[in-house]
Amino acid sequence: MPKLKTRKCAAKRLKMTGTGKFRHNKAGARHLMTGKGAKRKRRLGQDGAVSPAEKSRIKVALPYGL
C-alpha cells in the first residue's frame, strides 16, 4: 500500500494537543482591530478548539498526525 499524502493546508493551520485534540487560530484578528473591544481582541489571540464533528475530516487530511 502506498504512503498517504498529508494535506499541507491542514498541517499549517492545525496543531494537536497532548490529548489528541486539535486547535486552530481564530479568524478576524488580522486587521481592523481598532473597532474591536479589548476583551474580543484577547479572545482572538487564543487558540480555538476544533469540534469533534470535524475529527473524521482531519484524520483524512492528516493521516499520520502532526
PDB file of N, CA and C in Angstrom:
ATOM      1  N   MET A   1       0.838  -1.179   0.000  1.00  0.00           N
ATOM      2  CA  MET A   1       0.000   0.000   0.000  1.00  0.00           C
ATOM      3  C   MET A   1       0.888   1.250   0.000  1.00  0.00           C
ATOM      4  N   PRO A   2       0.615   2.217  -0.877  1.00  0.00           N
ATOM      5  CA  PRO A   2       1.474   3.402  -0.935  1.00  0.00           C
ATOM      6  C   PRO A   2       1.253   4.328   0.260  1.00  0.00           C
ATOM      7  N   LYS A   3       2.243   5.180   0.454  1.00  0.00           N
ATOM      8  CA  LYS A   3       2.132   6.157   1.531  1.00  0.00           C
ATOM      9  C   LYS A   3       1.052   7.177   1.181  1.00  0.00           C
ATOM     10  N   LEU A   4       0.378   7.706   2.206  1.00  0.00           N
ATOM     11  CA  LEU A   4      -0.653   8.717   2.005  1.00  0.00           C
ATOM     12  C   LEU A   4      -0.044  10.103   2.117  1.00  0.00           C
ATOM     13  N   LYS A   5      -0.559  11.019   1.313  1.00  0.00           N
ATOM     14  CA  LYS A   5      -0.053  12.384   1.353  1.00  0.00           C
ATOM     15  C   LYS A   5      -0.775  13.188   2.425  1.00  0.00           C
ATOM     16  N   THR A   6      -0.016  14.048   3.087  1.00  0.00           N
ATOM     17  CA  THR A   6      -0.565  14.958   4.090  1.00  0.00           C
ATOM     18  C   THR A   6      -1.081  16.203   3.390  1.00  0.00           C
ATOM     19  N   ARG A   7      -2.266  16.675   3.791  1.00  0.00           N
ATOM     20  CA  ARG A   7      -2.781  17.944   3.280  1.00  0.00           C
ATOM     21  C   ARG A   7      -2.026  19.064   3.980  1.00  0.00           C
ATOM     22  N   LYS A   8      -1.155  19.733   3.230  1.00  0.00           N
ATOM     23  CA  LYS A   8      -0.292  20.746   3.829  1.00  0.00           C
ATOM     24  C   LYS A   8      -1.082  21.928   4.372  1.00  0.00           C
ATOM     25  N   CYS A   9      -2.229  22.248   3.754  1.00  0.00           N
ATOM     26  CA  CYS A   9      -3.036  23.369   4.247  1.00  0.00           C
ATOM     27  C   CYS A   9      -3.534  23.075   5.659  1.00  0.00           C
ATOM     28  N   ALA A  10      -3.886  21.833   5.929  1.00  0.00           N
ATOM     29  CA  ALA A  10      -4.343  21.462   7.270  1.00  0.00           C
ATOM     30  C   ALA A  10      -3.171  21.408   8.249  1.00  0.00           C
ATOM     31  N   ALA A  11      -2.035  20.924   7.790  1.00  0.00           N
ATOM     32  CA  ALA A  11      -0.867  20.812   8.664  1.00  0.00           C
ATOM     33  C   ALA A  11      -0.389  22.174   9.136  1.00  0.00           C
ATOM     34  N   LYS A  12      -0.531  23.195   8.278  1.00  0.00           N
ATOM     35  CA  LYS A  12      -0.071  24.529   8.639  1.00  0.00           C
ATOM     36  C   LYS A  12      -1.065  25.259   9.537  1.00  0.00           C
ATOM     37  N   ARG A  13      -2.330  24.882   9.501  1.00  0.00           N
ATOM     38  CA  ARG A  13      -3.364  25.608  10.235  1.00  0.00           C
ATOM     39  C   ARG A  13      -3.747  24.979  11.568  1.00  0.00           C
ATOM     40  N   LEU A  14      -3.450  23.708  11.752  1.00  0.00           N
ATOM     41  CA  LEU A  14      -3.875  22.993  12.950  1.00  0.00           C
ATOM     42  C   LEU A  14      -2.674  22.528  13.753  1.00  0.00           C
ATOM     43  N   LYS A  15      -2.881  22.400  15.071  1.00  0.00           N
ATOM     44  CA  LYS A  15      -1.881  21.731  15.889  1.00  0.00           C
ATOM     45  C   LYS A  15      -2.581  20.826  16.876  1.00  0.00           C
ATOM     46  N   MET A  16      -1.923  19.743  17.193  1.00  0.00           N
ATOM     47  CA  MET A  16      -2.526  18.730  18.050  1.00  0.00           C
ATOM     48  C   MET A  16      -2.079  18.940  19.505  1.00  0.00           C
ATOM     49  N   THR A  17      -3.012  18.781  20.416  1.00  0.00           N
ATOM     50  CA  THR A  17      -2.689  18.870  21.834  1.00  0.00           C
ATOM     51  C   THR A  17      -2.155  17.524  22.307  1.00  0.00           C
ATOM     52  N   GLY A  18      -1.729  17.461  23.533  1.00  0.00           N
ATOM     53  CA  GLY A  18      -1.203  16.219  24.088  1.00  0.00           C
ATOM     54  C   GLY A  18      -2.239  15.125  24.197  1.00  0.00           C
ATOM     55  N   THR A  19      -3.515  15.514  24.319  1.00  0.00           N
ATOM     56  CA  THR A  19      -4.584  14.523  24.450  1.00  0.00           C
ATOM     57  C   THR A  19      -5.155  14.093  23.104  1.00  0.00           C
ATOM     58  N   GLY A  20      -4.636  14.645  21.992  1.00  0.00           N
ATOM     59  CA  GLY A  20      -5.104  14.243  20.675  1.00  0.00           C
ATOM     60  C   GLY A  20      -6.165  15.146  20.075  1.00  0.00           C
ATOM     61  N   LYS A  21      -6.533  16.221  20.785  1.00  0.00           N
ATOM     62  CA  LYS A  21      -7.482  17.180  20.216  1.00  0.00           C
ATOM     63  C   LYS A  21      -6.732  18.146  19.309  1.00  0.00           C
ATOM     64  N   PHE A  22      -7.484  18.862  18.472  1.00  0.00           N
ATOM     65  CA  PHE A  22      -6.863  19.806  17.552  1.00  0.00           C
ATOM     66  C   PHE A  22      -7.251  21.226  17.900  1.00  0.00           C
ATOM     67  N   ARG A  23      -6.302  22.149  17.729  1.00  0.00           N
ATOM     68  CA  ARG A  23      -6.512  23.570  17.973  1.00  0.00           C
ATOM     69  C   ARG A  23      -6.268  24.328  16.670  1.00  0.00           C
ATOM     70  N   HIS A  24      -6.930  25.474  16.523  1.00  0.00           N
ATOM     71  CA  HIS A  24      -6.765  26.299  15.321  1.00  0.00           C
ATOM     72  C   HIS A  24      -6.715  27.761  15.710  1.00  0.00           C
ATOM     73  N   ASN A  25      -6.201  28.597  14.812  1.00  0.00           N
ATOM     74  CA  ASN A  25      -6.192  30.039  15.036  1.00  0.00           C
ATOM     75  C   ASN A  25      -7.567  30.595  14.717  1.00  0.00           C
ATOM     76  N   LYS A  26      -7.992  31.587  15.474  1.00  0.00           N
ATOM     77  CA  LYS A  26      -9.306  32.183  15.253  1.00  0.00           C
ATOM     78  C   LYS A  26      -9.242  33.216  14.135  1.00  0.00           C
ATOM     79  N   ALA A  27     -10.344  33.321  13.412  1.00  0.00           N
ATOM     80  CA  ALA A  27     -10.429  34.278  12.310  1.00  0.00           C
ATOM     81  C   ALA A  27     -10.788  35.658  12.839  1.00  0.00           C
ATOM     82  N   GLY A  28     -10.404  36.689  12.099  1.00  0.00           N
ATOM     83  CA  GLY A  28     -10.806  38.046  12.425  1.00  0.00           C
ATOM     84  C   GLY A  28      -9.793  38.826  13.223  1.00  0.00           C
ATOM     85  N   ALA A  29      -8.552  38.342  13.331  1.00  0.00           N
ATOM     86  CA  ALA A  29      -7.562  39.035  14.148  1.00  0.00           C
ATOM     87  C   ALA A  29      -6.433  39.633  13.317  1.00  0.00           C
ATOM     88  N   ARG A  30      -6.654  39.828  12.032  1.00  0.00           N
ATOM     89  CA  ARG A  30      -5.582  40.323  11.168  1.00  0.00           C
ATOM     90  C   ARG A  30      -5.568  41.841  11.021  1.00  0.00           C
ATOM     91  N   HIS A  31      -6.715  42.425  10.775  1.00  0.00           N
ATOM     92  CA  HIS A  31      -6.766  43.873  10.553  1.00  0.00           C
ATOM     93  C   HIS A  31      -8.094  44.407  11.059  1.00  0.00           C
ATOM     94  N   LEU A  32      -8.261  45.727  11.002  1.00  0.00           N
ATOM     95  CA  LEU A  32      -9.443  46.418  11.528  1.00  0.00           C
ATOM     96  C   LEU A  32      -9.623  46.131  13.018  1.00  0.00           C
ATOM     97  N   MET A  33      -8.522  46.132  13.744  1.00  0.00           N
ATOM     98  CA  MET A  33      -8.567  45.790  15.168  1.00  0.00           C
ATOM     99  C   MET A  33      -8.991  46.972  16.035  1.00  0.00           C
ATOM    100  N   THR A  34      -8.935  48.204  15.496  1.00  0.00           N
ATOM    101  CA  THR A  34      -9.249  49.371  16.321  1.00  0.00           C
ATOM    102  C   THR A  34     -10.726  49.417  16.690  1.00  0.00           C
ATOM    103  N   GLY A  35     -11.578  48.831  15.882  1.00  0.00           N
ATOM    104  CA  GLY A  35     -13.003  48.844  16.168  1.00  0.00           C
ATOM    105  C   GLY A  35     -13.460  47.718  17.068  1.00  0.00           C
ATOM    106  N   LYS A  36     -12.548  46.863  17.474  1.00  0.00           N
ATOM    107  CA  LYS A  36     -12.902  45.715  18.306  1.00  0.00           C
ATOM    108  C   LYS A  36     -12.508  45.994  19.752  1.00  0.00           C
ATOM    109  N   GLY A  37     -13.283  45.470  20.674  1.00  0.00           N
ATOM    110  CA  GLY A  37     -13.031  45.679  22.090  1.00  0.00           C
ATOM    111  C   GLY A  37     -11.824  44.905  22.573  1.00  0.00           C
ATOM    112  N   ALA A  38     -11.297  45.324  23.724  1.00  0.00           N
ATOM    113  CA  ALA A  38     -10.101  44.688  24.280  1.00  0.00           C
ATOM    114  C   ALA A  38     -10.359  43.224  24.627  1.00  0.00           C
ATOM    115  N   LYS A  39     -11.541  42.934  25.180  1.00  0.00           N
ATOM    116  CA  LYS A  39     -11.871  41.553  25.535  1.00  0.00           C
ATOM    117  C   LYS A  39     -11.925  40.675  24.293  1.00  0.00           C
ATOM    118  N   ARG A  40     -12.524  41.205  23.238  1.00  0.00           N
ATOM    119  CA  ARG A  40     -12.631  40.447  21.984  1.00  0.00           C
ATOM    120  C   ARG A  40     -11.256  40.189  21.388  1.00  0.00           C
ATOM    121  N   LYS A  41     -10.371  41.177  21.454  1.00  0.00           N
ATOM    122  CA  LYS A  41      -9.023  41.014  20.911  1.00  0.00           C
ATOM    123  C   LYS A  41      -8.225  39.976  21.701  1.00  0.00           C
ATOM    124  N   ARG A  42      -8.428  39.956  23.012  1.00  0.00           N
ATOM    125  CA  ARG A  42      -7.765  38.932  23.834  1.00  0.00           C
ATOM    126  C   ARG A  42      -8.232  37.542  23.446  1.00  0.00           C
ATOM    127  N   ARG A  43      -9.525  37.393  23.242  1.00  0.00           N
ATOM    128  CA  ARG A  43     -10.079  36.086  22.872  1.00  0.00           C
ATOM    129  C   ARG A  43      -9.593  35.642  21.488  1.00  0.00           C
ATOM    130  N   LEU A  44      -9.441  36.582  20.577  1.00  0.00           N
ATOM    131  CA  LEU A  44      -8.981  36.241  19.234  1.00  0.00           C
ATOM    132  C   LEU A  44      -7.523  35.778  19.237  1.00  0.00           C
ATOM    133  N   GLY A  45      -6.767  36.174  20.249  1.00  0.00           N
ATOM    134  CA  GLY A  45      -5.380  35.748  20.343  1.00  0.00           C
ATOM    135  C   GLY A  45      -5.209  34.331  20.827  1.00  0.00           C
ATOM    136  N   GLN A  46      -6.231  33.766  21.418  1.00  0.00           N
ATOM    137  CA  GLN A  46      -6.159  32.397  21.921  1.00  0.00           C
ATOM    138  C   GLN A  46      -6.542  31.402  20.835  1.00  0.00           C
ATOM    139  N   ASP A  47      -6.120  30.171  21.022  1.00  0.00           N
ATOM    140  CA  ASP A  47      -6.468  29.109  20.077  1.00  0.00           C
ATOM    141  C   ASP A  47      -7.917  28.687  20.259  1.00  0.00           C
ATOM    142  N   GLY A  48      -8.548  28.285  19.165  1.00  0.00           N
ATOM    143  CA  GLY A  48      -9.893  27.749  19.221  1.00  0.00           C
ATOM    144  C   GLY A  48      -9.853  26.241  19.101  1.00  0.00           C
ATOM    145  N   ALA A  49     -10.823  25.584  19.675  1.00  0.00           N
ATOM    146  CA  ALA A  49     -10.893  24.122  19.619  1.00  0.00           C
ATOM    147  C   ALA A  49     -11.661  23.695  18.376  1.00  0.00           C
ATOM    148  N   VAL A  50     -11.195  22.645  17.740  1.00  0.00           N
ATOM    149  CA  VAL A  50     -11.896  22.069  16.593  1.00  0.00           C
ATOM    150  C   VAL A  50     -12.986  21.148  17.133  1.00  0.00           C
ATOM    151  N   SER A  51     -14.181  21.247  16.573  1.00  0.00           N
ATOM    152  CA  SER A  51     -15.298  20.445  17.071  1.00  0.00           C
ATOM    153  C   SER A  51     -15.073  18.959  16.782  1.00  0.00           C
ATOM    154  N   PRO A  52     -15.605  18.093  17.624  1.00  0.00           N
ATOM    155  CA  PRO A  52     -15.444  16.647  17.400  1.00  0.00           C
ATOM    156  C   PRO A  52     -16.053  16.171  16.081  1.00  0.00           C
ATOM    157  N   ALA A  53     -17.026  16.901  15.546  1.00  0.00           N
ATOM    158  CA  ALA A  53     -17.645  16.515  14.284  1.00  0.00           C
ATOM    159  C   ALA A  53     -16.663  16.616  13.123  1.00  0.00           C
ATOM    160  N   GLU A  54     -15.661  17.470  13.244  1.00  0.00           N
ATOM    161  CA  GLU A  54     -14.670  17.651  12.176  1.00  0.00           C
ATOM    162  C   GLU A  54     -13.518  16.660  12.272  1.00  0.00           C
ATOM    163  N   LYS A  55     -13.485  15.864  13.324  1.00  0.00           N
ATOM    164  CA  LYS A  55     -12.335  14.997  13.568  1.00  0.00           C
ATOM    165  C   LYS A  55     -12.108  13.980  12.443  1.00  0.00           C
ATOM    166  N   SER A  56     -13.178  13.462  11.854  1.00  0.00           N
ATOM    167  CA  SER A  56     -13.016  12.477  10.779  1.00  0.00           C
ATOM    168  C   SER A  56     -12.395  13.120   9.546  1.00  0.00           C
ATOM    169  N   ARG A  57     -12.764  14.384   9.259  1.00  0.00           N
ATOM    170  CA  ARG A  57     -12.182  15.092   8.117  1.00  0.00           C
ATOM    171  C   ARG A  57     -10.707  15.399   8.354  1.00  0.00           C
ATOM    172  N   ILE A  58     -10.361  15.689   9.598  1.00  0.00           N
ATOM    173  CA  ILE A  58      -8.966  15.983   9.916  1.00  0.00           C
ATOM    174  C   ILE A  58      -8.124  14.717   9.814  1.00  0.00           C
ATOM    175  N   LYS A  59      -8.682  13.583  10.214  1.00  0.00           N
ATOM    176  CA  LYS A  59      -7.946  12.318  10.120  1.00  0.00           C
ATOM    177  C   LYS A  59      -7.582  11.989   8.669  1.00  0.00           C
ATOM    178  N   VAL A  60      -8.481  12.330   7.741  1.00  0.00           N
ATOM    179  CA  VAL A  60      -8.218  12.086   6.324  1.00  0.00           C
ATOM    180  C   VAL A  60      -7.140  13.042   5.834  1.00  0.00           C
ATOM    181  N   ALA A  61      -7.211  14.306   6.275  1.00  0.00           N
ATOM    182  CA  ALA A  61      -6.248  15.319   5.824  1.00  0.00           C
ATOM    183  C   ALA A  61      -4.870  15.091   6.418  1.00  0.00           C
ATOM    184  N   LEU A  62      -4.827  14.595   7.643  1.00  0.00           N
ATOM    185  CA  LEU A  62      -3.545  14.360   8.330  1.00  0.00           C
ATOM    186  C   LEU A  62      -3.444  12.892   8.722  1.00  0.00           C
ATOM    187  N   PRO A  63      -3.143  12.017   7.770  1.00  0.00           N
ATOM    188  CA  PRO A  63      -3.177  10.572   8.063  1.00  0.00           C
ATOM    189  C   PRO A  63      -2.148  10.128   9.101  1.00  0.00           C
ATOM    190  N   TYR A  64      -1.048  10.877   9.249  1.00  0.00           N
ATOM    191  CA  TYR A  64      -0.019  10.484  10.198  1.00  0.00           C
ATOM    192  C   TYR A  64       0.056  11.426  11.385  1.00  0.00           C
ATOM    193  N   GLY A  65      -0.965  12.215  11.593  1.00  0.00           N
ATOM    194  CA  GLY A  65      -0.963  13.167  12.698  1.00  0.00           C
ATOM    195  C   GLY A  65      -0.077  14.359  12.394  1.00  0.00           C
ATOM    196  N   LEU A  66       0.296  15.071  13.426  1.00  0.00           N
ATOM    197  CA  LEU A  66       1.167  16.242  13.263  1.00  0.00           C
ATOM    198  C   LEU A  66       2.471  16.032  13.987  1.00  0.00           C
TER     199      LEU A  66
END
